[in-house]
């Protein structure tokens, strides 16, 4: 979510406390793989146990495409930073019928309000 990258979110003391517990390193197993961007996350719990998950492909890639609902949620999350909900809804509908549009004039009128 884009809201996680705002000044307000970054200044949150809870976020700072959690960030202090996070370290990042290149996984030697994946160091030479650039196209797929695999990742491994290991969480060490307070009692010492670890939980590990690995994703070879990121969400939103051709191998792991987003669902229609996820695309819509992501679109509105981004659009709300520049457009009111009504305009964003019209823009989303326009873009979903882009191949049917006789011209892009409708696109320009929607985005020029931003």
Protein backbone atom coordinates (compact mmCIF):
# COMPACT_ATOMS: atom_id res chain seq x y z
CA UNK A 1 0.00 0.00 0.00
CA UNK A 2 1.21 3.44 -0.84
CA UNK A 3 0.05 4.75 2.53
CA UNK A 4 2.91 2.81 4.12
CA UNK A 5 5.37 5.15 2.41
CA UNK A 6 3.94 8.47 3.58
CA UNK A 7 5.84 10.75 5.96
CA UNK A 8 3.18 10.10 8.61
CA UNK A 9 3.56 6.32 8.36
CA UNK A 10 7.34 6.46 8.41
CA UNK A 11 7.28 8.70 11.50
CA UNK A 12 5.01 6.28 13.41
CA UNK A 13 6.90 5.03 16.49
CA UNK A 14 5.46 1.53 16.07
CA UNK A 15 6.81 1.39 12.53
CA UNK A 16 10.21 2.62 13.71
CA UNK A 17 10.29 -0.03 16.45
CA UNK A 18 9.45 -2.79 13.98
CA UNK A 19 11.98 -1.48 11.44
CA UNK A 20 14.67 -1.76 14.11
CA UNK A 21 14.01 -5.49 14.27
CA UNK A 22 14.38 -6.04 10.52
CA UNK A 23 17.55 -6.87 8.65
CA UNK A 24 17.94 -7.46 4.93
CA UNK A 25 20.52 -9.61 3.18
CA UNK A 26 21.03 -11.12 -0.23
CA UNK A 27 20.18 -14.80 -0.14
CA UNK A 28 23.23 -16.56 -1.64
CA UNK A 29 20.92 -19.13 -3.26
CA UNK A 30 19.24 -16.37 -5.27
CA UNK A 31 22.14 -13.92 -5.72
CA UNK A 32 22.59 -14.59 -9.44
CA UNK A 33 18.89 -14.70 -10.36
CA UNK A 34 17.65 -11.32 -11.55
CA UNK A 35 14.71 -11.99 -13.85
CA UNK A 36 12.37 -13.72 -11.41
CA UNK A 37 13.37 -11.88 -8.20
CA UNK A 38 12.83 -14.74 -5.74
CA UNK A 39 12.72 -13.86 -2.06
CA UNK A 40 12.89 -15.65 1.25
CA UNK A 41 11.54 -14.15 4.47
CA UNK A 42 12.54 -15.60 7.80
CA UNK A 43 10.89 -14.37 11.00
CA UNK A 44 12.42 -15.22 14.34
CA UNK A 45 9.78 -15.20 17.08
CA UNK A 46 10.36 -14.03 20.65
CA UNK A 47 10.63 -17.65 21.82
CA UNK A 48 13.40 -18.36 19.28
CA UNK A 49 11.32 -20.33 16.77
CA UNK A 50 11.58 -19.32 13.14
CA UNK A 51 8.97 -19.16 10.42
CA UNK A 52 10.14 -19.06 6.83
CA UNK A 53 8.36 -18.44 3.54
CA UNK A 54 9.77 -18.34 0.04
CA UNK A 55 8.28 -16.80 -3.10
CA UNK A 56 9.99 -17.42 -6.39
CA UNK A 57 7.80 -14.98 -8.30
CA UNK A 58 6.34 -11.74 -6.98
CA UNK A 59 2.64 -11.00 -7.04
CA UNK A 60 1.64 -9.17 -10.18
CA UNK A 61 4.11 -10.96 -12.44
CA UNK A 62 2.94 -13.04 -15.42
CA UNK A 63 3.60 -16.15 -13.34
CA UNK A 64 1.49 -14.90 -10.40
CA UNK A 65 -0.97 -12.39 -11.90
CA UNK A 66 -3.16 -10.22 -9.75
CA UNK A 67 -6.86 -11.02 -9.63
CA UNK A 68 -9.31 -8.50 -11.08
CA UNK A 69 -10.17 -7.45 -7.52
CA UNK A 70 -6.49 -6.93 -6.67
CA UNK A 71 -5.94 -4.83 -9.80
CA UNK A 72 -8.96 -2.71 -8.90
CA UNK A 73 -7.80 -2.28 -5.30
CA UNK A 74 -4.31 -1.30 -6.45
CA UNK A 75 -5.68 1.13 -9.03
CA UNK A 76 -7.87 2.95 -6.49
CA UNK A 77 -5.09 2.99 -3.92
CA UNK A 78 -2.89 4.82 -6.44
CA UNK A 79 -5.65 6.97 -7.97
CA UNK A 80 -6.87 8.33 -4.62
CA UNK A 81 -3.66 10.33 -4.38
CA UNK A 82 -4.66 12.42 -7.40
CA UNK A 83 -8.36 11.97 -8.18
CA UNK A 84 -11.66 12.06 -6.36
CA UNK A 85 -13.47 8.70 -6.15
CA UNK A 86 -16.03 9.56 -8.83
CA UNK A 87 -13.39 10.50 -11.39
CA UNK A 88 -11.24 7.49 -10.46
CA UNK A 89 -14.26 5.20 -10.96
CA UNK A 90 -14.92 6.68 -14.41
CA UNK A 91 -11.25 6.40 -15.33
CA UNK A 92 -11.10 2.76 -14.20
CA UNK A 93 -14.17 1.95 -16.30
CA UNK A 94 -12.69 3.77 -19.32
CA UNK A 95 -9.39 1.90 -19.02
CA UNK A 96 -11.18 -1.43 -18.76
CA UNK A 97 -12.83 -0.71 -22.12
CA UNK A 98 -9.81 0.91 -23.72
CA UNK A 99 -9.82 -1.38 -26.75
CA UNK A 100 -13.44 -0.38 -27.47
CA UNK A 101 -12.83 3.37 -27.31
CA UNK A 102 -13.02 5.25 -30.64
CA UNK A 103 -10.58 7.88 -29.29
CA UNK A 104 -8.65 8.82 -26.19
CA UNK A 105 -10.44 12.13 -25.70
CA UNK A 106 -12.38 10.65 -22.77
CA UNK A 107 -9.10 9.69 -21.13
CA UNK A 108 -7.69 13.18 -21.48
CA UNK A 109 -10.79 14.79 -20.02
CA UNK A 110 -10.67 12.49 -16.98
CA UNK A 111 -6.96 12.90 -16.29
CA UNK A 112 -6.80 16.64 -16.91
CA UNK A 113 -8.79 17.17 -13.69
CA UNK A 114 -5.96 15.74 -11.59
